[in-house]
Amino acid sequence: MGKILNMHTGKERVIQKFDCSICDCKFTEDEGGLQRGVIGMLPISFCPTCFSGILEMVNFFNNIDKKDKE
């Protein structure tokens, strides 16, 4: 992976790390996940693993609702 430099200042870009709101692991925007969001007024961040798990849970409950309607 190469360095990212600002053309005007010559300074290297600092890659920001986020803390997962569920498992407390650190991740970067390059890894995916949900870097910044809100649920109501609560700020949240989800690492790729937790974000994937939440999406799987939502899909599971959506499928249950669809089966109940049939």
C-alpha atoms as a PDB file:
ATOM      1  CA  MET A   1       0.000   0.000   0.000  1.00  0.00           C
ATOM      2  CA  GLY A   2       1.426   3.390  -0.951  1.00  0.00           C
ATOM      3  CA  LYS A   3       1.446   6.596   1.032  1.00  0.00           C
ATOM      4  CA  ILE A   4      -1.148   9.263   0.426  1.00  0.00           C
ATOM      5  CA  LEU A   5       0.364  12.756   0.436  1.00  0.00           C
ATOM      6  CA  ASN A   6      -1.325  16.137   0.346  1.00  0.00           C
ATOM      7  CA  MET A   7      -0.011  17.933  -2.781  1.00  0.00           C
ATOM      8  CA  HIS A   8      -0.130  21.340  -1.116  1.00  0.00           C
ATOM      9  CA  THR A   9       1.454  20.548   2.260  1.00  0.00           C
ATOM     10  CA  GLY A  10       3.491  17.423   1.484  1.00  0.00           C
ATOM     11  CA  LYS A  11       2.189  15.824   4.681  1.00  0.00           C
ATOM     12  CA  GLU A  12       1.156  12.202   4.751  1.00  0.00           C
ATOM     13  CA  ARG A  13      -2.531  11.524   5.253  1.00  0.00           C
ATOM     14  CA  VAL A  14      -3.334  10.024   8.627  1.00  0.00           C
ATOM     15  CA  ILE A  15      -5.690   7.079   8.245  1.00  0.00           C
ATOM     16  CA  GLN A  16      -8.447   7.450  10.803  1.00  0.00           C
ATOM     17  CA  LYS A  17      -9.388   4.418  12.885  1.00  0.00           C
ATOM     18  CA  PHE A  18     -12.874   3.875  14.233  1.00  0.00           C
ATOM     19  CA  ASP A  19     -13.984   1.889  17.296  1.00  0.00           C
ATOM     20  CA  CYS A  20     -16.792  -0.622  16.739  1.00  0.00           C
ATOM     21  CA  SER A  21     -19.813   0.117  18.936  1.00  0.00           C
ATOM     22  CA  ILE A  22     -20.434  -3.612  19.482  1.00  0.00           C
ATOM     23  CA  CYS A  23     -17.094  -5.421  19.795  1.00  0.00           C
ATOM     24  CA  ASP A  24     -14.781  -2.426  20.447  1.00  0.00           C
ATOM     25  CA  CYS A  25     -12.269  -3.460  17.750  1.00  0.00           C
ATOM     26  CA  LYS A  26     -10.505  -0.793  15.680  1.00  0.00           C
ATOM     27  CA  PHE A  27     -11.022  -0.612  11.906  1.00  0.00           C
ATOM     28  CA  THR A  28     -10.319   1.787   9.031  1.00  0.00           C
ATOM     29  CA  GLU A  29     -12.498   3.014   6.171  1.00  0.00           C
ATOM     30  CA  ASP A  30     -10.532   0.758   3.794  1.00  0.00           C
ATOM     31  CA  GLU A  31     -11.805  -2.316   5.628  1.00  0.00           C
ATOM     32  CA  GLY A  32     -15.460  -1.443   5.141  1.00  0.00           C
ATOM     33  CA  GLY A  33     -18.129  -1.491   7.787  1.00  0.00           C
ATOM     34  CA  LEU A  34     -20.098   1.547   8.868  1.00  0.00           C
ATOM     35  CA  GLN A  35     -17.680   4.278   9.917  1.00  0.00           C
ATOM     36  CA  ARG A  36     -20.103   6.861  11.256  1.00  0.00           C
ATOM     37  CA  GLY A  37     -23.811   6.708  11.724  1.00  0.00           C
ATOM     38  CA  VAL A  38     -26.552   7.408  14.215  1.00  0.00           C
ATOM     39  CA  ILE A  39     -29.432   5.456  15.667  1.00  0.00           C
ATOM     40  CA  GLY A  40     -31.736   8.153  16.945  1.00  0.00           C
ATOM     41  CA  MET A  41     -29.283  10.422  18.741  1.00  0.00           C
ATOM     42  CA  LEU A  42     -26.701   7.720  19.503  1.00  0.00           C
ATOM     43  CA  PRO A  43     -23.517   7.831  17.393  1.00  0.00           C
ATOM     44  CA  ILE A  44     -22.501   4.372  16.159  1.00  0.00           C
ATOM     45  CA  SER A  45     -19.724   2.682  14.181  1.00  0.00           C
ATOM     46  CA  PHE A  46     -19.742  -0.974  13.128  1.00  0.00           C
ATOM     47  CA  CYS A  47     -16.717  -3.003  12.032  1.00  0.00           C
ATOM     48  CA  PRO A  48     -17.184  -5.131   8.884  1.00  0.00           C
ATOM     49  CA  THR A  49     -17.910  -8.290  10.910  1.00  0.00           C
ATOM     50  CA  CYS A  50     -20.545  -6.704  13.153  1.00  0.00           C
ATOM     51  CA  PHE A  51     -22.086  -4.780  10.234  1.00  0.00           C
ATOM     52  CA  SER A  52     -22.405  -8.008   8.244  1.00  0.00           C
ATOM     53  CA  GLY A  53     -23.994  -9.715  11.241  1.00  0.00           C
ATOM     54  CA  ILE A  54     -26.539  -6.928  11.657  1.00  0.00           C
ATOM     55  CA  LEU A  55     -27.476  -7.125   7.964  1.00  0.00           C
ATOM     56  CA  GLU A  56     -27.884 -10.916   8.227  1.00  0.00           C
ATOM     57  CA  MET A  57     -30.158 -10.462  11.263  1.00  0.00           C
ATOM     58  CA  VAL A  58     -32.305  -7.915   9.403  1.00  0.00           C
ATOM     59  CA  ASN A  59     -32.598 -10.245   6.393  1.00  0.00           C
ATOM     60  CA  PHE A  60     -33.587 -13.123   8.693  1.00  0.00           C
ATOM     61  CA  PHE A  61     -36.365 -11.123  10.361  1.00  0.00           C
ATOM     62  CA  ASN A  62     -37.582  -9.752   7.014  1.00  0.00           C
ATOM     63  CA  ASN A  63     -37.920 -13.304   5.687  1.00  0.00           C
ATOM     64  CA  ILE A  64     -39.904 -14.349   8.782  1.00  0.00           C
ATOM     65  CA  ASP A  65     -42.315 -11.455   8.200  1.00  0.00           C
ATOM     66  CA  LYS A  66     -42.728 -12.411   4.539  1.00  0.00           C
ATOM     67  CA  LYS A  67     -43.501 -16.051   5.454  1.00  0.00           C
ATOM     68  CA  ASP A  68     -46.099 -14.944   8.026  1.00  0.00           C
ATOM     69  CA  LYS A  69     -47.931 -12.879   5.394  1.00  0.00           C
ATOM     70  CA  GLU A  70     -48.211 -15.786   2.945  1.00  0.00           C
END
